[in-house]
Amino acid sequence: MLIVLFFKCMTALLNPVYRRGENIKWRLVCYTMVMFSLATVLTTIKLDLESIGYIDNRNFPGATTSWTEVGYLRSIYLKAVNIVPNVAFIASGWLADGFLVSSLFDVVLTRTGV
């Protein structure tokens, strides 16, 4: 779904039919690419870690009977391979919030004539 939404956004941003005579908004194109990259990194690393934790290391020492707590995943909690998707998640949230706030300011400034 992520790939489909990315390509639909890029089509809308780059296709001259949707732009109504305006120039390409390169800031939005770059923003869309960065958000897609962050979401892809987050998804692929997290899915890989879940696979390694639940399948490859299912008998790792410290594992409990609960499926939500796997000893291997707790042992790598502070390693870079686990921190990168967490940072990507936080950064994508900040970027999404920043986009909404900047859009709100654009609308307010346009309506007030500033």
PDB file of N, CA and C in Angstrom:
ATOM      1  N   MET A   1       0.822  -1.188   0.000  1.00  0.00           N
ATOM      2  CA  MET A   1       0.000   0.000   0.000  1.00  0.00           C
ATOM      3  C   MET A   1       0.869   1.256   0.000  1.00  0.00           C
ATOM      4  N   LEU A   2       1.972   1.177   0.714  1.00  0.00           N
ATOM      5  CA  LEU A   2       2.894   2.308   0.784  1.00  0.00           C
ATOM      6  C   LEU A   2       3.432   2.667  -0.605  1.00  0.00           C
ATOM      7  N   ILE A   3       3.777   1.669  -1.378  1.00  0.00           N
ATOM      8  CA  ILE A   3       4.311   1.904  -2.722  1.00  0.00           C
ATOM      9  C   ILE A   3       3.249   2.503  -3.638  1.00  0.00           C
ATOM     10  N   VAL A   4       2.032   2.008  -3.527  1.00  0.00           N
ATOM     11  CA  VAL A   4       0.936   2.529  -4.355  1.00  0.00           C
ATOM     12  C   VAL A   4       0.670   3.995  -4.032  1.00  0.00           C
ATOM     13  N   LEU A   5       0.604   4.332  -2.750  1.00  0.00           N
ATOM     14  CA  LEU A   5       0.369   5.726  -2.364  1.00  0.00           C
ATOM     15  C   LEU A   5       1.515   6.641  -2.807  1.00  0.00           C
ATOM     16  N   PHE A   6       2.747   6.137  -2.702  1.00  0.00           N
ATOM     17  CA  PHE A   6       3.893   6.934  -3.137  1.00  0.00           C
ATOM     18  C   PHE A   6       3.793   7.259  -4.626  1.00  0.00           C
ATOM     19  N   PHE A   7       3.515   6.243  -5.436  1.00  0.00           N
ATOM     20  CA  PHE A   7       3.451   6.490  -6.874  1.00  0.00           C
ATOM     21  C   PHE A   7       2.237   7.338  -7.259  1.00  0.00           C
ATOM     22  N   LYS A   8       1.146   7.217  -6.566  1.00  0.00           N
ATOM     23  CA  LYS A   8       0.002   8.098  -6.828  1.00  0.00           C
ATOM     24  C   LYS A   8       0.351   9.556  -6.499  1.00  0.00           C
ATOM     25  N   CYS A   9       1.053   9.767  -5.379  1.00  0.00           N
ATOM     26  CA  CYS A   9       1.472  11.125  -5.021  1.00  0.00           C
ATOM     27  C   CYS A   9       2.447  11.694  -6.036  1.00  0.00           C
ATOM     28  N   MET A  10       3.409  10.878  -6.461  1.00  0.00           N
ATOM     29  CA  MET A  10       4.389  11.355  -7.432  1.00  0.00           C
ATOM     30  C   MET A  10       3.729  11.654  -8.778  1.00  0.00           C
ATOM     31  N   THR A  11       2.753  10.840  -9.151  1.00  0.00           N
ATOM     32  CA  THR A  11       2.021  11.105 -10.393  1.00  0.00           C
ATOM     33  C   THR A  11       1.279  12.429 -10.299  1.00  0.00           C
ATOM     34  N   ALA A  12       0.645  12.667  -9.166  1.00  0.00           N
ATOM     35  CA  ALA A  12      -0.099  13.917  -8.992  1.00  0.00           C
ATOM     36  C   ALA A  12       0.832  15.125  -8.962  1.00  0.00           C
ATOM     37  N   LEU A  13       2.029  14.959  -8.418  1.00  0.00           N
ATOM     38  CA  LEU A  13       2.956  16.086  -8.329  1.00  0.00           C
ATOM     39  C   LEU A  13       3.683  16.368  -9.640  1.00  0.00           C
ATOM     40  N   LEU A  14       3.932  15.344 -10.440  1.00  0.00           N
ATOM     41  CA  LEU A  14       4.758  15.523 -11.634  1.00  0.00           C
ATOM     42  C   LEU A  14       3.974  15.578 -12.943  1.00  0.00           C
ATOM     43  N   ASN A  15       2.775  15.061 -12.977  1.00  0.00           N
ATOM     44  CA  ASN A  15       1.993  15.030 -14.210  1.00  0.00           C
ATOM     45  C   ASN A  15       1.440  16.424 -14.515  1.00  0.00           C
ATOM     46  N   PRO A  16       1.657  16.941 -15.731  1.00  0.00           N
ATOM     47  CA  PRO A  16       1.166  18.286 -16.050  1.00  0.00           C
ATOM     48  C   PRO A  16      -0.358  18.397 -16.056  1.00  0.00           C
ATOM     49  N   VAL A  17      -1.066  17.297 -16.200  1.00  0.00           N
ATOM     50  CA  VAL A  17      -2.530  17.344 -16.198  1.00  0.00           C
ATOM     51  C   VAL A  17      -3.054  17.796 -14.842  1.00  0.00           C
ATOM     52  N   TYR A  18      -2.396  17.381 -13.776  1.00  0.00           N
ATOM     53  CA  TYR A  18      -2.855  17.697 -12.423  1.00  0.00           C
ATOM     54  C   TYR A  18      -2.353  19.036 -11.907  1.00  0.00           C
ATOM     55  N   ARG A  19      -1.377  19.636 -12.587  1.00  0.00           N
ATOM     56  CA  ARG A  19      -0.767  20.862 -12.081  1.00  0.00           C
ATOM     57  C   ARG A  19      -1.440  22.135 -12.575  1.00  0.00           C
ATOM     58  N   ARG A  20      -2.299  22.093 -13.533  1.00  0.00           N
ATOM     59  CA  ARG A  20      -3.034  23.248 -14.054  1.00  0.00           C
ATOM     60  C   ARG A  20      -2.134  24.421 -14.438  1.00  0.00           C
ATOM     61  N   GLY A  21      -1.075  24.121 -15.173  1.00  0.00           N
ATOM     62  CA  GLY A  21      -0.209  25.181 -15.666  1.00  0.00           C
ATOM     63  C   GLY A  21       0.821  25.677 -14.673  1.00  0.00           C
ATOM     64  N   GLU A  22       0.865  25.138 -13.476  1.00  0.00           N
ATOM     65  CA  GLU A  22       1.847  25.558 -12.486  1.00  0.00           C
ATOM     66  C   GLU A  22       3.147  24.778 -12.692  1.00  0.00           C
ATOM     67  N   ASN A  23       4.212  25.280 -12.110  1.00  0.00           N
ATOM     68  CA  ASN A  23       5.484  24.575 -12.164  1.00  0.00           C
ATOM     69  C   ASN A  23       5.468  23.396 -11.187  1.00  0.00           C
ATOM     70  N   ILE A  24       6.443  22.512 -11.362  1.00  0.00           N
ATOM     71  CA  ILE A  24       6.570  21.383 -10.435  1.00  0.00           C
ATOM     72  C   ILE A  24       7.004  21.922  -9.078  1.00  0.00           C
ATOM     73  N   LYS A  25       6.350  21.485  -8.039  1.00  0.00           N
ATOM     74  CA  LYS A  25       6.694  21.900  -6.679  1.00  0.00           C
ATOM     75  C   LYS A  25       7.734  20.923  -6.131  1.00  0.00           C
ATOM     76  N   TRP A  26       8.997  21.297  -6.314  1.00  0.00           N
ATOM     77  CA  TRP A  26      10.088  20.386  -5.976  1.00  0.00           C
ATOM     78  C   TRP A  26      10.188  20.143  -4.474  1.00  0.00           C
ATOM     79  N   ARG A  27       9.754  21.091  -3.673  1.00  0.00           N
ATOM     80  CA  ARG A  27       9.776  20.868  -2.218  1.00  0.00           C
ATOM     81  C   ARG A  27       8.833  19.732  -1.840  1.00  0.00           C
ATOM     82  N   LEU A  28       7.680  19.673  -2.461  1.00  0.00           N
ATOM     83  CA  LEU A  28       6.739  18.590  -2.165  1.00  0.00           C
ATOM     84  C   LEU A  28       7.230  17.257  -2.717  1.00  0.00           C
ATOM     85  N   VAL A  29       7.902  17.290  -3.863  1.00  0.00           N
ATOM     86  CA  VAL A  29       8.462  16.059  -4.425  1.00  0.00           C
ATOM     87  C   VAL A  29       9.539  15.509  -3.494  1.00  0.00           C
ATOM     88  N   CYS A  30      10.433  16.371  -3.034  1.00  0.00           N
ATOM     89  CA  CYS A  30      11.488  15.937  -2.107  1.00  0.00           C
ATOM     90  C   CYS A  30      10.896  15.451  -0.787  1.00  0.00           C
ATOM     91  N   TYR A  31       9.901  16.173  -0.286  1.00  0.00           N
ATOM     92  CA  TYR A  31       9.239  15.779   0.959  1.00  0.00           C
ATOM     93  C   TYR A  31       8.603  14.394   0.810  1.00  0.00           C
ATOM     94  N   THR A  32       7.944  14.144  -0.296  1.00  0.00           N
ATOM     95  CA  THR A  32       7.314  12.845  -0.530  1.00  0.00           C
ATOM     96  C   THR A  32       8.365  11.734  -0.614  1.00  0.00           C
ATOM     97  N   MET A  33       9.480  12.012  -1.258  1.00  0.00           N
ATOM     98  CA  MET A  33      10.536  11.008  -1.347  1.00  0.00           C
ATOM     99  C   MET A  33      11.155  10.711   0.014  1.00  0.00           C
ATOM    100  N   VAL A  34      11.367  11.739   0.818  1.00  0.00           N
ATOM    101  CA  VAL A  34      11.933  11.527   2.157  1.00  0.00           C
ATOM    102  C   VAL A  34      10.973  10.729   3.029  1.00  0.00           C
ATOM    103  N   MET A  35       9.693  11.061   2.977  1.00  0.00           N
ATOM    104  CA  MET A  35       8.713  10.323   3.779  1.00  0.00           C
ATOM    105  C   MET A  35       8.621   8.867   3.318  1.00  0.00           C
ATOM    106  N   PHE A  36       8.670   8.638   2.023  1.00  0.00           N
ATOM    107  CA  PHE A  36       8.647   7.269   1.504  1.00  0.00           C
ATOM    108  C   PHE A  36       9.884   6.503   1.944  1.00  0.00           C
ATOM    109  N   SER A  37      11.042   7.156   1.891  1.00  0.00           N
ATOM    110  CA  SER A  37      12.279   6.506   2.306  1.00  0.00           C
ATOM    111  C   SER A  37      12.252   6.139   3.788  1.00  0.00           C
ATOM    112  N   LEU A  38      11.801   7.061   4.624  1.00  0.00           N
ATOM    113  CA  LEU A  38      11.727   6.780   6.060  1.00  0.00           C
ATOM    114  C   LEU A  38      10.752   5.641   6.356  1.00  0.00           C
ATOM    115  N   ALA A  39       9.615   5.657   5.707  1.00  0.00           N
ATOM    116  CA  ALA A  39       8.630   4.600   5.942  1.00  0.00           C
ATOM    117  C   ALA A  39       9.134   3.247   5.448  1.00  0.00           C
ATOM    118  N   THR A  40       9.866   3.245   4.339  1.00  0.00           N
ATOM    119  CA  THR A  40      10.410   1.999   3.815  1.00  0.00           C
ATOM    120  C   THR A  40      11.483   1.441   4.739  1.00  0.00           C
ATOM    121  N   VAL A  41      12.366   2.297   5.221  1.00  0.00           N
ATOM    122  CA  VAL A  41      13.404   1.859   6.163  1.00  0.00           C
ATOM    123  C   VAL A  41      12.769   1.314   7.429  1.00  0.00           C
ATOM    124  N   LEU A  42      11.810   2.028   7.959  1.00  0.00           N
ATOM    125  CA  LEU A  42      11.121   1.598   9.177  1.00  0.00           C
ATOM    126  C   LEU A  42      10.468   0.237   8.988  1.00  0.00           C
ATOM    127  N   THR A  43       9.739   0.075   7.925  1.00  0.00           N
ATOM    128  CA  THR A  43       9.000  -1.169   7.696  1.00  0.00           C
ATOM    129  C   THR A  43       9.929  -2.348   7.454  1.00  0.00           C
ATOM    130  N   THR A  44      10.933  -2.183   6.620  1.00  0.00           N
ATOM    131  CA  THR A  44      11.799  -3.314   6.291  1.00  0.00           C
ATOM    132  C   THR A  44      12.642  -3.756   7.476  1.00  0.00           C
ATOM    133  N   ILE A  45      13.201  -2.823   8.224  1.00  0.00           N
ATOM    134  CA  ILE A  45      14.035  -3.223   9.363  1.00  0.00           C
ATOM    135  C   ILE A  45      13.186  -3.850  10.454  1.00  0.00           C
ATOM    136  N   LYS A  46      12.032  -3.284  10.748  1.00  0.00           N
ATOM    137  CA  LYS A  46      11.173  -3.856  11.793  1.00  0.00           C
ATOM    138  C   LYS A  46      10.685  -5.253  11.413  1.00  0.00           C
ATOM    139  N   LEU A  47      10.290  -5.456  10.157  1.00  0.00           N
ATOM    140  CA  LEU A  47       9.855  -6.789   9.738  1.00  0.00           C
ATOM    141  C   LEU A  47      10.998  -7.790   9.791  1.00  0.00           C
ATOM    142  N   ASP A  48      12.193  -7.359   9.422  1.00  0.00           N
ATOM    143  CA  ASP A  48      13.349  -8.245   9.496  1.00  0.00           C
ATOM    144  C   ASP A  48      13.675  -8.601  10.948  1.00  0.00           C
ATOM    145  N   LEU A  49      13.640  -7.631  11.844  1.00  0.00           N
ATOM    146  CA  LEU A  49      13.903  -7.905  13.260  1.00  0.00           C
ATOM    147  C   LEU A  49      12.858  -8.837  13.866  1.00  0.00           C
ATOM    148  N   GLU A  50      11.603  -8.640  13.500  1.00  0.00           N
ATOM    149  CA  GLU A  50      10.561  -9.534  14.012  1.00  0.00           C
ATOM    150  C   GLU A  50      10.786 -10.956  13.520  1.00  0.00           C
ATOM    151  N   SER A  51      11.178 -11.089  12.277  1.00  0.00           N
ATOM    152  CA  SER A  51      11.457 -12.418  11.730  1.00  0.00           C
ATOM    153  C   SER A  51      12.633 -13.069  12.450  1.00  0.00           C
ATOM    154  N   ILE A  52      13.689 -12.317  12.655  1.00  0.00           N
ATOM    155  CA  ILE A  52      14.862 -12.859  13.352  1.00  0.00           C
ATOM    156  C   ILE A  52      14.508 -13.219  14.796  1.00  0.00           C
ATOM    157  N   GLY A  53      13.746 -12.361  15.453  1.00  0.00           N
ATOM    158  CA  GLY A  53      13.423 -12.599  16.854  1.00  0.00           C
ATOM    159  C   GLY A  53      12.459 -13.744  17.082  1.00  0.00           C
ATOM    160  N   TYR A  54      11.413 -13.821  16.282  1.00  0.00           N
ATOM    161  CA  TYR A  54      10.373 -14.835  16.506  1.00  0.00           C
ATOM    162  C   TYR A  54      10.652 -16.173  15.834  1.00  0.00           C
ATOM    163  N   ILE A  55      11.464 -16.181  14.770  1.00  0.00           N
ATOM    164  CA  ILE A  55      11.702 -17.429  14.040  1.00  0.00           C
ATOM    165  C   ILE A  55      13.114 -17.963  14.296  1.00  0.00           C
ATOM    166  N   ASP A  56      14.110 -17.141  13.989  1.00  0.00           N
ATOM    167  CA  ASP A  56      15.486 -17.617  14.089  1.00  0.00           C
ATOM    168  C   ASP A  56      15.956 -17.801  15.532  1.00  0.00           C
ATOM    169  N   ASN A  57      15.518 -16.940  16.436  1.00  0.00           N
ATOM    170  CA  ASN A  57      15.986 -16.979  17.821  1.00  0.00           C
ATOM    171  C   ASN A  57      14.838 -17.248  18.793  1.00  0.00           C
ATOM    172  N   ARG A  58      13.965 -18.149  18.456  1.00  0.00           N
ATOM    173  CA  ARG A  58      12.804 -18.409  19.310  1.00  0.00           C
ATOM    174  C   ARG A  58      13.175 -19.068  20.627  1.00  0.00           C
ATOM    175  N   ASN A  59      14.322 -19.738  20.699  1.00  0.00           N
ATOM    176  CA  ASN A  59      14.764 -20.373  21.942  1.00  0.00           C
ATOM    177  C   ASN A  59      15.887 -19.594  22.606  1.00  0.00           C
ATOM    178  N   PHE A  60      15.959 -18.313  22.347  1.00  0.00           N
ATOM    179  CA  PHE A  60      16.991 -17.454  22.936  1.00  0.00           C
ATOM    180  C   PHE A  60      16.797 -17.399  24.448  1.00  0.00           C
ATOM    181  N   PRO A  61      17.887 -17.444  25.242  1.00  0.00           N
ATOM    182  CA  PRO A  61      17.735 -17.382  26.699  1.00  0.00           C
ATOM    183  C   PRO A  61      17.059 -16.086  27.127  1.00  0.00           C
ATOM    184  N   GLY A  62      16.146 -16.186  28.045  1.00  0.00           N
ATOM    185  CA  GLY A  62      15.412 -15.026  28.540  1.00  0.00           C
ATOM    186  C   GLY A  62      14.048 -14.877  27.910  1.00  0.00           C
ATOM    187  N   ALA A  63      13.692 -15.775  27.019  1.00  0.00           N
ATOM    188  CA  ALA A  63      12.377 -15.709  26.384  1.00  0.00           C
ATOM    189  C   ALA A  63      11.315 -16.118  27.394  1.00  0.00           C
ATOM    190  N   THR A  64      10.212 -15.440  27.371  1.00  0.00           N
ATOM    191  CA  THR A  64       9.106 -15.767  28.272  1.00  0.00           C
ATOM    192  C   THR A  64       8.048 -16.522  27.487  1.00  0.00           C
ATOM    193  N   THR A  65       6.985 -16.889  28.170  1.00  0.00           N
ATOM    194  CA  THR A  65       5.906 -17.599  27.495  1.00  0.00           C
ATOM    195  C   THR A  65       5.041 -16.670  26.665  1.00  0.00           C
ATOM    196  N   SER A  66       5.152 -15.374  26.900  1.00  0.00           N
ATOM    197  CA  SER A  66       4.350 -14.408  26.157  1.00  0.00           C
ATOM    198  C   SER A  66       4.959 -14.173  24.782  1.00  0.00           C
ATOM    199  N   TRP A  67       4.130 -14.097  23.761  1.00  0.00           N
ATOM    200  CA  TRP A  67       4.609 -13.831  22.403  1.00  0.00           C
ATOM    201  C   TRP A  67       5.085 -12.392  22.240  1.00  0.00           C
ATOM    202  N   THR A  68       4.667 -11.513  23.125  1.00  0.00           N
ATOM    203  CA  THR A  68       5.054 -10.115  22.977  1.00  0.00           C
ATOM    204  C   THR A  68       6.434  -9.830  23.545  1.00  0.00           C
ATOM    205  N   GLU A  69       6.971 -10.709  24.356  1.00  0.00           N
ATOM    206  CA  GLU A  69       8.284 -10.477  24.925  1.00  0.00           C
ATOM    207  C   GLU A  69       9.222 -11.601  24.512  1.00  0.00           C
ATOM    208  N   VAL A  70      10.084 -11.296  23.587  1.00  0.00           N
ATOM    209  CA  VAL A  70      11.064 -12.262  23.121  1.00  0.00           C
ATOM    210  C   VAL A  70      12.424 -11.811  23.639  1.00  0.00           C
ATOM    211  N   GLY A  71      13.170 -12.736  24.221  1.00  0.00           N
ATOM    212  CA  GLY A  71      14.451 -12.398  24.822  1.00  0.00           C
ATOM    213  C   GLY A  71      15.433 -11.790  23.848  1.00  0.00           C
ATOM    214  N   TYR A  72      15.464 -12.280  22.613  1.00  0.00           N
ATOM    215  CA  TYR A  72      16.395 -11.749  21.628  1.00  0.00           C
ATOM    216  C   TYR A  72      16.094 -10.287  21.321  1.00  0.00           C
ATOM    217  N   LEU A  73      14.845  -9.948  21.156  1.00  0.00           N
ATOM    218  CA  LEU A  73      14.490  -8.562  20.837  1.00  0.00           C
ATOM    219  C   LEU A  73      14.835  -7.634  21.990  1.00  0.00           C
ATOM    220  N   ARG A  74      14.704  -8.118  23.228  1.00  0.00           N
ATOM    221  CA  ARG A  74      15.103  -7.303  24.374  1.00  0.00           C
ATOM    222  C   ARG A  74      16.616  -7.164  24.447  1.00  0.00           C
ATOM    223  N   SER A  75      17.362  -8.165  24.013  1.00  0.00           N
ATOM    224  CA  SER A  75      18.821  -8.100  24.095  1.00  0.00           C
ATOM    225  C   SER A  75      19.418  -7.125  23.083  1.00  0.00           C
ATOM    226  N   ILE A  76      18.744  -6.867  21.977  1.00  0.00           N
ATOM    227  CA  ILE A  76      19.259  -5.934  20.970  1.00  0.00           C
ATOM    228  C   ILE A  76      18.561  -4.581  21.025  1.00  0.00           C
ATOM    229  N   TYR A  77      17.868  -4.295  22.109  1.00  0.00           N
ATOM    230  CA  TYR A  77      17.053  -3.087  22.179  1.00  0.00           C
ATOM    231  C   TYR A  77      17.863  -1.816  21.950  1.00  0.00           C
ATOM    232  N   LEU A  78      19.082  -1.727  22.487  1.00  0.00           N
ATOM    233  CA  LEU A  78      19.876  -0.506  22.367  1.00  0.00           C
ATOM    234  C   LEU A  78      20.930  -0.573  21.264  1.00  0.00           C
ATOM    235  N   LYS A  79      20.846  -1.525  20.389  1.00  0.00           N
ATOM    236  CA  LYS A  79      21.787  -1.607  19.265  1.00  0.00           C
ATOM    237  C   LYS A  79      21.270  -0.761  18.101  1.00  0.00           C
ATOM    238  N   ALA A  80      22.181  -0.376  17.216  1.00  0.00           N
ATOM    239  CA  ALA A  80      21.843   0.526  16.110  1.00  0.00           C
ATOM    240  C   ALA A  80      20.790  -0.057  15.187  1.00  0.00           C
ATOM    241  N   VAL A  81      20.803  -1.373  15.007  1.00  0.00           N
ATOM    242  CA  VAL A  81      19.833  -1.988  14.103  1.00  0.00           C
ATOM    243  C   VAL A  81      18.399  -1.832  14.628  1.00  0.00           C
ATOM    244  N   ASN A  82      18.236  -1.656  15.909  1.00  0.00           N
ATOM    245  CA  ASN A  82      16.911  -1.450  16.474  1.00  0.00           C
ATOM    246  C   ASN A  82      16.607   0.034  16.678  1.00  0.00           C
ATOM    247  N   ILE A  83      17.630   0.854  16.803  1.00  0.00           N
ATOM    248  CA  ILE A  83      17.419   2.287  17.022  1.00  0.00           C
ATOM    249  C   ILE A  83      17.057   3.001  15.718  1.00  0.00           C
ATOM    250  N   VAL A  84      17.617   2.549  14.601  1.00  0.00           N
ATOM    251  CA  VAL A  84      17.366   3.204  13.303  1.00  0.00           C
ATOM    252  C   VAL A  84      15.875   3.254  12.956  1.00  0.00           C
ATOM    253  N   PRO A  85      15.109   2.145  13.048  1.00  0.00           N
ATOM    254  CA  PRO A  85      13.689   2.271  12.721  1.00  0.00           C
ATOM    255  C   PRO A  85      12.915   3.132  13.718  1.00  0.00           C
ATOM    256  N   ASN A  86      13.351   3.138  14.968  1.00  0.00           N
ATOM    257  CA  ASN A  86      12.690   4.008  15.949  1.00  0.00           C
ATOM    258  C   ASN A  86      12.923   5.482  15.626  1.00  0.00           C
ATOM    259  N   VAL A  87      14.145   5.813  15.219  1.00  0.00           N
ATOM    260  CA  VAL A  87      14.449   7.190  14.817  1.00  0.00           C
ATOM    261  C   VAL A  87      13.691   7.551  13.544  1.00  0.00           C
ATOM    262  N   ALA A  88      13.588   6.618  12.600  1.00  0.00           N
ATOM    263  CA  ALA A  88      12.831   6.871  11.367  1.00  0.00           C
ATOM    264  C   ALA A  88      11.365   7.113  11.676  1.00  0.00           C
ATOM    265  N   PHE A  89      10.814   6.372  12.644  1.00  0.00           N
ATOM    266  CA  PHE A  89       9.416   6.554  13.032  1.00  0.00           C
ATOM    267  C   PHE A  89       9.202   7.945  13.628  1.00  0.00           C
ATOM    268  N   ILE A  90      10.079   8.352  14.521  1.00  0.00           N
ATOM    269  CA  ILE A  90       9.947   9.671  15.157  1.00  0.00           C
ATOM    270  C   ILE A  90      10.153  10.785  14.134  1.00  0.00           C
ATOM    271  N   ALA A  91      11.156  10.632  13.268  1.00  0.00           N
ATOM    272  CA  ALA A  91      11.418  11.663  12.253  1.00  0.00           C
ATOM    273  C   ALA A  91      10.254  11.794  11.274  1.00  0.00           C
ATOM    274  N   SER A  92       9.653  10.679  10.876  1.00  0.00           N
ATOM    275  CA  SER A  92       8.514  10.774   9.954  1.00  0.00           C
ATOM    276  C   SER A  92       7.314  11.421  10.634  1.00  0.00           C
ATOM    277  N   GLY A  93       7.135  11.168  11.907  1.00  0.00           N
ATOM    278  CA  GLY A  93       6.062  11.852  12.640  1.00  0.00           C
ATOM    279  C   GLY A  93       6.294  13.342  12.717  1.00  0.00           C
ATOM    280  N   TRP A  94       7.528  13.749  12.989  1.00  0.00           N
ATOM    281  CA  TRP A  94       7.857  15.174  13.022  1.00  0.00           C
ATOM    282  C   TRP A  94       7.668  15.820  11.659  1.00  0.00           C
ATOM    283  N   LEU A  95       8.098  15.141  10.607  1.00  0.00           N
ATOM    284  CA  LEU A  95       7.934  15.698   9.265  1.00  0.00           C
ATOM    285  C   LEU A  95       6.462  15.832   8.882  1.00  0.00           C
ATOM    286  N   ALA A  96       5.665  14.840   9.246  1.00  0.00           N
ATOM    287  CA  ALA A  96       4.232  14.915   8.936  1.00  0.00           C
ATOM    288  C   ALA A  96       3.577  16.056   9.701  1.00  0.00           C
ATOM    289  N   ASP A  97       3.915  16.205  10.975  1.00  0.00           N
ATOM    290  CA  ASP A  97       3.362  17.313  11.758  1.00  0.00           C
ATOM    291  C   ASP A  97       3.833  18.659  11.228  1.00  0.00           C
ATOM    292  N   GLY A  98       5.111  18.733  10.859  1.00  0.00           N
ATOM    293  CA  GLY A  98       5.635  19.982  10.309  1.00  0.00           C
ATOM    294  C   GLY A  98       4.963  20.361   9.005  1.00  0.00           C
ATOM    295  N   PHE A  99       4.659  19.356   8.170  1.00  0.00           N
ATOM    296  CA  PHE A  99       3.954  19.629   6.916  1.00  0.00           C
ATOM    297  C   PHE A  99       2.560  20.180   7.189  1.00  0.00           C
ATOM    298  N   LEU A 100       1.859  19.598   8.149  1.00  0.00           N
ATOM    299  CA  LEU A 100       0.521  20.092   8.471  1.00  0.00           C
ATOM    300  C   LEU A 100       0.562  21.511   9.027  1.00  0.00           C
ATOM    301  N   VAL A 101       1.521  21.793   9.901  1.00  0.00           N
ATOM    302  CA  VAL A 101       1.626  23.130  10.478  1.00  0.00           C
ATOM    303  C   VAL A 101       2.005  24.144   9.414  1.00  0.00           C
ATOM    304  N   SER A 102       2.960  23.799   8.534  1.00  0.00           N
ATOM    305  CA  SER A 102       3.345  24.743   7.477  1.00  0.00           C
ATOM    306  C   SER A 102       2.194  24.988   6.501  1.00  0.00           C
ATOM    307  N   SER A 103       1.408  23.952   6.219  1.00  0.00           N
ATOM    308  CA  SER A 103       0.234  24.139   5.355  1.00  0.00           C
ATOM    309  C   SER A 103      -0.791  25.037   6.016  1.00  0.00           C
ATOM    310  N   LEU A 104      -0.960  24.883   7.314  1.00  0.00           N
ATOM    311  CA  LEU A 104      -1.893  25.738   8.051  1.00  0.00           C
ATOM    312  C   LEU A 104      -1.432  27.186   8.013  1.00  0.00           C
ATOM    313  N   PHE A 105      -0.133  27.426   8.221  1.00  0.00           N
ATOM    314  CA  PHE A 105       0.383  28.784   8.153  1.00  0.00           C
ATOM    315  C   PHE A 105       0.223  29.370   6.762  1.00  0.00           C
ATOM    316  N   ASP A 106       0.431  28.582   5.720  1.00  0.00           N
ATOM    317  CA  ASP A 106       0.242  29.066   4.357  1.00  0.00           C
ATOM    318  C   ASP A 106      -1.196  29.505   4.119  1.00  0.00           C
ATOM    319  N   VAL A 107      -2.144  28.700   4.601  1.00  0.00           N
ATOM    320  CA  VAL A 107      -3.556  29.042   4.427  1.00  0.00           C
ATOM    321  C   VAL A 107      -3.901  30.308   5.213  1.00  0.00           C
ATOM    322  N   VAL A 108      -3.435  30.410   6.450  1.00  0.00           N
ATOM    323  CA  VAL A 108      -3.744  31.576   7.286  1.00  0.00           C
ATOM    324  C   VAL A 108      -3.121  32.816   6.682  1.00  0.00           C
ATOM    325  N   LEU A 109      -1.879  32.740   6.234  1.00  0.00           N
ATOM    326  CA  LEU A 109      -1.212  33.916   5.673  1.00  0.00           C
ATOM    327  C   LEU A 109      -1.844  34.328   4.349  1.00  0.00           C
ATOM    328  N   THR A 110      -2.304  33.356   3.574  1.00  0.00           N
ATOM    329  CA  THR A 110      -2.953  33.669   2.299  1.00  0.00           C
ATOM    330  C   THR A 110      -4.286  34.379   2.532  1.00  0.00           C
ATOM    331  N   ARG A 111      -5.038  33.923   3.496  1.00  0.00           N
ATOM    332  CA  ARG A 111      -6.363  34.511   3.756  1.00  0.00           C
ATOM    333  C   ARG A 111      -6.254  35.889   4.400  1.00  0.00           C
ATOM    334  N   THR A 112      -5.220  36.122   5.212  1.00  0.00           N
ATOM    335  CA  THR A 112      -5.084  37.418   5.861  1.00  0.00           C
ATOM    336  C   THR A 112      -4.390  38.420   4.973  1.00  0.00           C
ATOM    337  N   GLY A 113      -3.772  37.958   3.868  1.00  0.00           N
ATOM    338  CA  GLY A 113      -3.117  38.870   2.944  1.00  0.00           C
ATOM    339  C   GLY A 113      -1.736  39.302   3.373  1.00  0.00           C
ATOM    340  N   VAL A 114      -1.117  38.559   4.279  1.00  0.00           N
ATOM    341  CA  VAL A 114       0.223  38.919   4.767  1.00  0.00           C
ATOM    342  C   VAL A 114       1.274  38.420   3.834  1.00  0.00           C
TER     343      VAL A 114
END
